[in-house]
């Protein structure tokens, strides 16, 4: 779980969630020293955690596990400056989910995830 280590959730709504990155996270010490960027695998994990959080809010107790991922595109690096906020727009239903990650108006990543 990366919540509290790499990010904190600011708001969750029906369309997704807004998170704030924690630039002092140990993740950034190794990725990359002197020019930290948020690892793509961490963005996928944050999306899964947010999908689970949203499911929990509507009364689903099941854990969310990644079954498959396709069409993952990282379009802009996410640099963890103090106060960096990301918007995760989460779409789809059931096991097929779409994710768009934005920093302000900049699309940073998009992906299609299959979850169980």
N, C-alpha and C. Protein backbone atom coordinates (compact mmCIF):
# COMPACT_ATOMS: atom_id res chain seq x y z
N UNK A 1 0.84 -1.17 0.00
CA UNK A 1 0.00 0.00 0.00
C UNK A 1 0.89 1.24 0.00
N UNK A 2 0.63 2.13 -0.94
CA UNK A 2 1.45 3.34 -1.08
C UNK A 2 0.83 4.57 -0.40
N UNK A 3 -0.45 4.45 -0.01
CA UNK A 3 -1.08 5.58 0.68
C UNK A 3 -0.36 5.82 2.00
N UNK A 4 0.00 7.07 2.23
CA UNK A 4 0.75 7.43 3.43
C UNK A 4 2.25 7.35 3.25
N UNK A 5 2.69 6.65 2.21
CA UNK A 5 4.12 6.54 1.91
C UNK A 5 4.48 7.40 0.71
N UNK A 6 3.67 7.30 -0.35
CA UNK A 6 3.93 8.03 -1.58
C UNK A 6 2.91 9.13 -1.84
N UNK A 7 1.70 8.96 -1.30
CA UNK A 7 0.65 9.95 -1.54
C UNK A 7 -0.34 9.95 -0.39
N UNK A 8 -1.17 11.01 -0.38
CA UNK A 8 -2.31 11.06 0.52
C UNK A 8 -3.53 11.44 -0.30
N UNK A 9 -4.66 10.85 0.02
CA UNK A 9 -5.89 11.14 -0.69
C UNK A 9 -6.48 12.44 -0.17
N UNK A 10 -6.81 13.33 -1.10
CA UNK A 10 -7.42 14.61 -0.73
C UNK A 10 -8.93 14.53 -0.85
N UNK A 11 -9.42 13.96 -1.96
CA UNK A 11 -10.86 13.89 -2.19
C UNK A 11 -11.18 12.70 -3.08
N UNK A 12 -12.34 12.10 -2.82
CA UNK A 12 -12.85 11.01 -3.64
C UNK A 12 -14.28 11.37 -4.02
N UNK A 13 -14.60 11.20 -5.31
CA UNK A 13 -15.97 11.44 -5.77
C UNK A 13 -16.35 10.33 -6.74
N UNK A 14 -17.52 10.42 -7.32
CA UNK A 14 -18.02 9.36 -8.19
C UNK A 14 -17.16 9.14 -9.44
N UNK A 15 -16.43 10.16 -9.86
CA UNK A 15 -15.63 10.06 -11.09
C UNK A 15 -14.17 9.72 -10.85
N UNK A 16 -13.72 9.73 -9.60
CA UNK A 16 -12.32 9.45 -9.33
C UNK A 16 -11.84 10.04 -8.03
N UNK A 17 -10.57 10.44 -8.01
CA UNK A 17 -9.98 10.94 -6.77
C UNK A 17 -8.85 11.91 -7.07
N UNK A 18 -8.60 12.77 -6.10
CA UNK A 18 -7.46 13.68 -6.15
C UNK A 18 -6.52 13.30 -5.02
N UNK A 19 -5.23 13.19 -5.36
CA UNK A 19 -4.22 12.83 -4.37
C UNK A 19 -3.11 13.87 -4.36
N UNK A 20 -2.40 13.93 -3.26
CA UNK A 20 -1.22 14.79 -3.14
C UNK A 20 -0.01 13.90 -2.96
N UNK A 21 1.00 14.11 -3.79
CA UNK A 21 2.24 13.35 -3.67
C UNK A 21 3.03 13.80 -2.45
N UNK A 22 3.78 12.89 -1.86
CA UNK A 22 4.63 13.17 -0.71
C UNK A 22 6.08 13.15 -1.19
N UNK A 23 6.66 14.33 -1.50
CA UNK A 23 7.98 14.38 -2.11
C UNK A 23 9.10 13.81 -1.24
N UNK A 24 8.87 13.69 0.07
CA UNK A 24 9.89 13.12 0.95
C UNK A 24 9.85 11.60 0.97
N UNK A 25 8.98 10.99 0.18
CA UNK A 25 8.86 9.53 0.14
C UNK A 25 10.18 8.87 -0.22
N UNK A 26 10.49 7.75 0.42
CA UNK A 26 11.73 7.02 0.08
C UNK A 26 11.73 6.51 -1.37
N UNK A 27 10.57 6.41 -1.98
CA UNK A 27 10.50 5.97 -3.38
C UNK A 27 11.35 6.89 -4.26
N UNK A 28 11.32 8.19 -3.96
CA UNK A 28 12.02 9.17 -4.80
C UNK A 28 13.53 9.19 -4.58
N UNK A 29 14.01 8.58 -3.50
CA UNK A 29 15.44 8.56 -3.25
C UNK A 29 16.18 7.72 -4.28
N UNK A 30 15.49 6.72 -4.85
CA UNK A 30 16.15 5.86 -5.82
C UNK A 30 15.64 6.03 -7.24
N UNK A 31 14.67 6.89 -7.43
CA UNK A 31 14.03 7.00 -8.75
C UNK A 31 13.80 8.46 -9.12
N UNK A 32 14.66 9.17 -9.50
CA UNK A 32 16.10 9.05 -9.71
C UNK A 32 16.78 10.11 -8.86
N UNK A 33 17.90 9.81 -8.22
CA UNK A 33 18.58 10.79 -7.36
C UNK A 33 18.92 12.06 -8.16
N UNK A 34 18.55 13.19 -7.60
CA UNK A 34 18.81 14.47 -8.25
C UNK A 34 17.74 14.90 -9.22
N UNK A 35 16.93 13.99 -9.71
CA UNK A 35 15.82 14.30 -10.62
C UNK A 35 14.71 13.28 -10.40
N UNK A 36 14.04 13.36 -9.25
CA UNK A 36 13.03 12.35 -8.93
C UNK A 36 11.80 12.46 -9.84
N UNK A 37 11.32 11.31 -10.31
CA UNK A 37 10.05 11.24 -11.01
C UNK A 37 9.25 10.09 -10.40
N UNK A 38 7.95 10.16 -10.55
CA UNK A 38 7.09 9.13 -9.99
C UNK A 38 7.11 7.91 -10.90
N UNK A 39 7.49 6.74 -10.37
CA UNK A 39 7.56 5.53 -11.20
C UNK A 39 6.19 5.13 -11.74
N UNK A 40 6.17 4.67 -12.98
CA UNK A 40 4.93 4.24 -13.61
C UNK A 40 4.23 3.13 -12.85
N UNK A 41 4.99 2.18 -12.33
CA UNK A 41 4.39 1.08 -11.58
C UNK A 41 3.68 1.61 -10.33
N UNK A 42 4.19 2.68 -9.75
CA UNK A 42 3.53 3.28 -8.59
C UNK A 42 2.21 3.95 -8.98
N UNK A 43 2.16 4.54 -10.18
CA UNK A 43 0.91 5.14 -10.65
C UNK A 43 -0.16 4.08 -10.86
N UNK A 44 0.22 2.92 -11.37
CA UNK A 44 -0.72 1.81 -11.53
C UNK A 44 -1.21 1.36 -10.15
N UNK A 45 -0.30 1.22 -9.19
CA UNK A 45 -0.69 0.80 -7.84
C UNK A 45 -1.60 1.82 -7.18
N UNK A 46 -1.32 3.10 -7.33
CA UNK A 46 -2.21 4.13 -6.76
C UNK A 46 -3.60 3.99 -7.37
N UNK A 47 -3.68 3.80 -8.69
CA UNK A 47 -4.98 3.63 -9.35
C UNK A 47 -5.74 2.45 -8.75
N UNK A 48 -5.05 1.32 -8.53
CA UNK A 48 -5.70 0.14 -7.93
C UNK A 48 -6.19 0.44 -6.52
N UNK A 49 -5.37 1.14 -5.74
CA UNK A 49 -5.78 1.49 -4.38
C UNK A 49 -7.00 2.40 -4.38
N UNK A 50 -7.06 3.33 -5.33
CA UNK A 50 -8.20 4.24 -5.41
C UNK A 50 -9.46 3.51 -5.88
N UNK A 51 -9.32 2.58 -6.82
CA UNK A 51 -10.46 1.77 -7.26
C UNK A 51 -11.01 0.99 -6.07
N UNK A 52 -10.12 0.41 -5.26
CA UNK A 52 -10.55 -0.33 -4.07
C UNK A 52 -11.22 0.59 -3.06
N UNK A 53 -10.66 1.78 -2.88
CA UNK A 53 -11.25 2.74 -1.93
C UNK A 53 -12.65 3.15 -2.37
N UNK A 54 -12.82 3.38 -3.66
CA UNK A 54 -14.14 3.76 -4.16
C UNK A 54 -15.13 2.61 -4.02
N UNK A 55 -14.69 1.37 -4.28
CA UNK A 55 -15.56 0.20 -4.14
C UNK A 55 -15.97 0.04 -2.68
N UNK A 56 -15.04 0.28 -1.76
CA UNK A 56 -15.32 0.17 -0.34
C UNK A 56 -16.37 1.19 0.10
N UNK A 57 -16.33 2.37 -0.49
CA UNK A 57 -17.29 3.42 -0.13
C UNK A 57 -18.72 3.08 -0.53
N UNK A 58 -18.89 2.21 -1.53
CA UNK A 58 -20.24 1.82 -1.94
C UNK A 58 -20.62 0.44 -1.41
N UNK A 59 -19.85 -0.04 -0.43
CA UNK A 59 -20.22 -1.26 0.27
C UNK A 59 -19.66 -2.56 -0.27
N UNK A 60 -18.70 -2.49 -1.17
CA UNK A 60 -18.04 -3.71 -1.65
C UNK A 60 -16.79 -3.95 -0.80
N UNK A 61 -16.71 -5.13 -0.19
CA UNK A 61 -15.59 -5.44 0.70
C UNK A 61 -14.43 -6.12 -0.01
N UNK A 62 -14.63 -6.54 -1.23
CA UNK A 62 -13.62 -7.32 -1.92
C UNK A 62 -12.36 -6.50 -2.17
N UNK A 63 -11.21 -7.16 -2.05
CA UNK A 63 -9.96 -6.50 -2.41
C UNK A 63 -9.88 -6.43 -3.93
N UNK A 64 -9.12 -5.47 -4.41
CA UNK A 64 -8.96 -5.28 -5.85
C UNK A 64 -7.58 -5.77 -6.24
N UNK A 65 -7.53 -6.68 -7.19
CA UNK A 65 -6.26 -7.21 -7.68
C UNK A 65 -6.17 -6.97 -9.18
N UNK A 66 -4.97 -6.66 -9.63
CA UNK A 66 -4.73 -6.46 -11.04
C UNK A 66 -4.67 -7.80 -11.75
N UNK A 67 -5.49 -7.97 -12.78
CA UNK A 67 -5.50 -9.19 -13.59
C UNK A 67 -4.80 -8.93 -14.92
N UNK A 68 -4.96 -7.72 -15.45
CA UNK A 68 -4.33 -7.39 -16.72
C UNK A 68 -4.26 -5.89 -16.91
N UNK A 69 -3.35 -5.48 -17.77
CA UNK A 69 -3.20 -4.06 -18.09
C UNK A 69 -2.87 -3.95 -19.57
N UNK A 70 -3.47 -2.97 -20.21
CA UNK A 70 -3.18 -2.76 -21.63
C UNK A 70 -3.27 -1.27 -21.93
N UNK A 71 -2.69 -0.92 -23.04
CA UNK A 71 -2.72 0.47 -23.51
C UNK A 71 -2.24 1.46 -22.45
N UNK A 72 -1.20 1.09 -21.71
CA UNK A 72 -0.65 2.02 -20.72
C UNK A 72 0.26 3.00 -21.45
N UNK A 73 -0.05 4.27 -21.29
CA UNK A 73 0.76 5.31 -21.93
C UNK A 73 1.11 6.37 -20.88
N UNK A 74 2.40 6.61 -20.72
CA UNK A 74 2.88 7.67 -19.84
C UNK A 74 3.27 8.83 -20.75
N UNK A 75 2.53 9.92 -20.67
CA UNK A 75 2.69 11.01 -21.63
C UNK A 75 3.45 12.20 -21.09
N UNK A 76 3.64 12.27 -19.79
CA UNK A 76 4.37 13.38 -19.18
C UNK A 76 4.92 12.92 -17.83
N UNK A 77 6.19 13.20 -17.54
CA UNK A 77 6.73 12.78 -16.24
C UNK A 77 6.04 13.53 -15.10
N UNK A 78 5.91 12.84 -13.99
CA UNK A 78 5.31 13.45 -12.80
C UNK A 78 6.42 13.68 -11.79
N UNK A 79 6.74 14.94 -11.59
CA UNK A 79 7.83 15.34 -10.71
C UNK A 79 7.22 15.72 -9.36
N UNK A 80 7.70 15.13 -8.28
CA UNK A 80 7.07 15.29 -6.98
C UNK A 80 7.47 16.57 -6.24
N UNK A 81 7.04 17.70 -6.73
CA UNK A 81 7.29 18.96 -6.02
C UNK A 81 6.35 19.06 -4.83
N UNK A 82 6.70 19.91 -3.88
CA UNK A 82 5.86 20.11 -2.71
C UNK A 82 4.45 20.52 -3.14
N UNK A 83 3.46 19.76 -2.68
CA UNK A 83 2.07 20.09 -2.97
C UNK A 83 1.57 19.61 -4.32
N UNK A 84 2.33 18.78 -5.04
CA UNK A 84 1.88 18.28 -6.33
C UNK A 84 0.61 17.45 -6.14
N UNK A 85 -0.44 17.85 -6.84
CA UNK A 85 -1.70 17.13 -6.79
C UNK A 85 -1.95 16.46 -8.13
N UNK A 86 -2.49 15.25 -8.07
CA UNK A 86 -2.85 14.50 -9.26
C UNK A 86 -4.32 14.15 -9.20
N UNK A 87 -4.97 14.23 -10.34
CA UNK A 87 -6.36 13.81 -10.45
C UNK A 87 -6.40 12.48 -11.19
N UNK A 88 -6.99 11.47 -10.56
CA UNK A 88 -7.19 10.16 -11.17
C UNK A 88 -8.65 10.07 -11.58
N UNK A 89 -8.92 10.17 -12.89
CA UNK A 89 -10.26 9.96 -13.40
C UNK A 89 -10.42 8.48 -13.65
N UNK A 90 -11.38 7.87 -12.96
CA UNK A 90 -11.58 6.43 -13.01
C UNK A 90 -12.91 6.13 -13.68
N UNK A 91 -12.87 5.35 -14.75
CA UNK A 91 -14.08 5.01 -15.48
C UNK A 91 -14.23 3.50 -15.60
N UNK A 92 -15.30 3.11 -16.26
CA UNK A 92 -15.57 1.69 -16.48
C UNK A 92 -16.37 1.10 -15.34
N UNK A 93 -16.72 -0.16 -15.54
CA UNK A 93 -17.51 -0.89 -14.55
C UNK A 93 -16.99 -2.30 -14.42
N UNK A 94 -17.37 -2.94 -13.33
CA UNK A 94 -16.99 -4.34 -13.14
C UNK A 94 -15.49 -4.51 -13.18
N UNK A 95 -15.03 -5.43 -13.99
CA UNK A 95 -13.61 -5.73 -14.01
C UNK A 95 -12.81 -4.87 -14.99
N UNK A 96 -13.47 -4.19 -15.90
CA UNK A 96 -12.77 -3.36 -16.90
C UNK A 96 -12.79 -1.90 -16.48
N UNK A 97 -11.61 -1.34 -16.23
CA UNK A 97 -11.49 0.03 -15.75
C UNK A 97 -10.57 0.85 -16.63
N UNK A 98 -10.90 2.12 -16.75
CA UNK A 98 -10.03 3.06 -17.46
C UNK A 98 -9.54 4.09 -16.45
N UNK A 99 -8.33 4.56 -16.66
CA UNK A 99 -7.73 5.53 -15.74
C UNK A 99 -7.05 6.61 -16.57
N UNK A 100 -7.32 7.86 -16.22
CA UNK A 100 -6.57 9.00 -16.74
C UNK A 100 -5.98 9.71 -15.55
N UNK A 101 -4.70 10.07 -15.64
CA UNK A 101 -4.02 10.77 -14.55
C UNK A 101 -3.61 12.14 -15.06
N UNK A 102 -4.07 13.16 -14.35
CA UNK A 102 -3.78 14.53 -14.75
C UNK A 102 -3.07 15.29 -13.64
N UNK A 103 -2.15 16.14 -14.04
CA UNK A 103 -1.53 17.10 -13.14
C UNK A 103 -1.96 18.46 -13.67
N UNK A 104 -2.91 19.08 -12.99
CA UNK A 104 -3.53 20.29 -13.53
C UNK A 104 -4.27 19.92 -14.80
N UNK A 105 -3.96 20.60 -15.90
CA UNK A 105 -4.59 20.31 -17.18
C UNK A 105 -3.77 19.35 -18.04
N UNK A 106 -2.62 18.91 -17.54
CA UNK A 106 -1.72 18.06 -18.30
C UNK A 106 -2.04 16.58 -18.10
N UNK A 107 -2.32 15.88 -19.19
CA UNK A 107 -2.52 14.44 -19.12
C UNK A 107 -1.16 13.77 -18.97
N UNK A 108 -0.98 13.07 -17.86
CA UNK A 108 0.32 12.43 -17.56
C UNK A 108 0.33 10.96 -17.91
N UNK A 109 -0.82 10.30 -17.82
CA UNK A 109 -0.89 8.87 -18.12
C UNK A 109 -2.32 8.47 -18.36
N UNK A 110 -2.47 7.39 -19.11
CA UNK A 110 -3.78 6.76 -19.27
C UNK A 110 -3.56 5.26 -19.43
N UNK A 111 -4.54 4.50 -18.98
CA UNK A 111 -4.38 3.05 -19.00
C UNK A 111 -5.74 2.36 -18.93
N UNK A 112 -5.76 1.13 -19.38
CA UNK A 112 -6.93 0.26 -19.24
C UNK A 112 -6.50 -0.91 -18.35
N UNK A 113 -7.25 -1.10 -17.26
CA UNK A 113 -6.90 -2.15 -16.30
C UNK A 113 -8.03 -3.16 -16.18
N UNK A 114 -7.67 -4.41 -16.03
CA UNK A 114 -8.64 -5.44 -15.72
C UNK A 114 -8.37 -5.87 -14.28
N UNK A 115 -9.42 -5.79 -13.45
CA UNK A 115 -9.26 -6.08 -12.02
C UNK A 115 -10.20 -7.21 -11.63
N UNK A 116 -9.87 -7.82 -10.52
CA UNK A 116 -10.73 -8.88 -9.95
C UNK A 116 -10.94 -8.57 -8.48
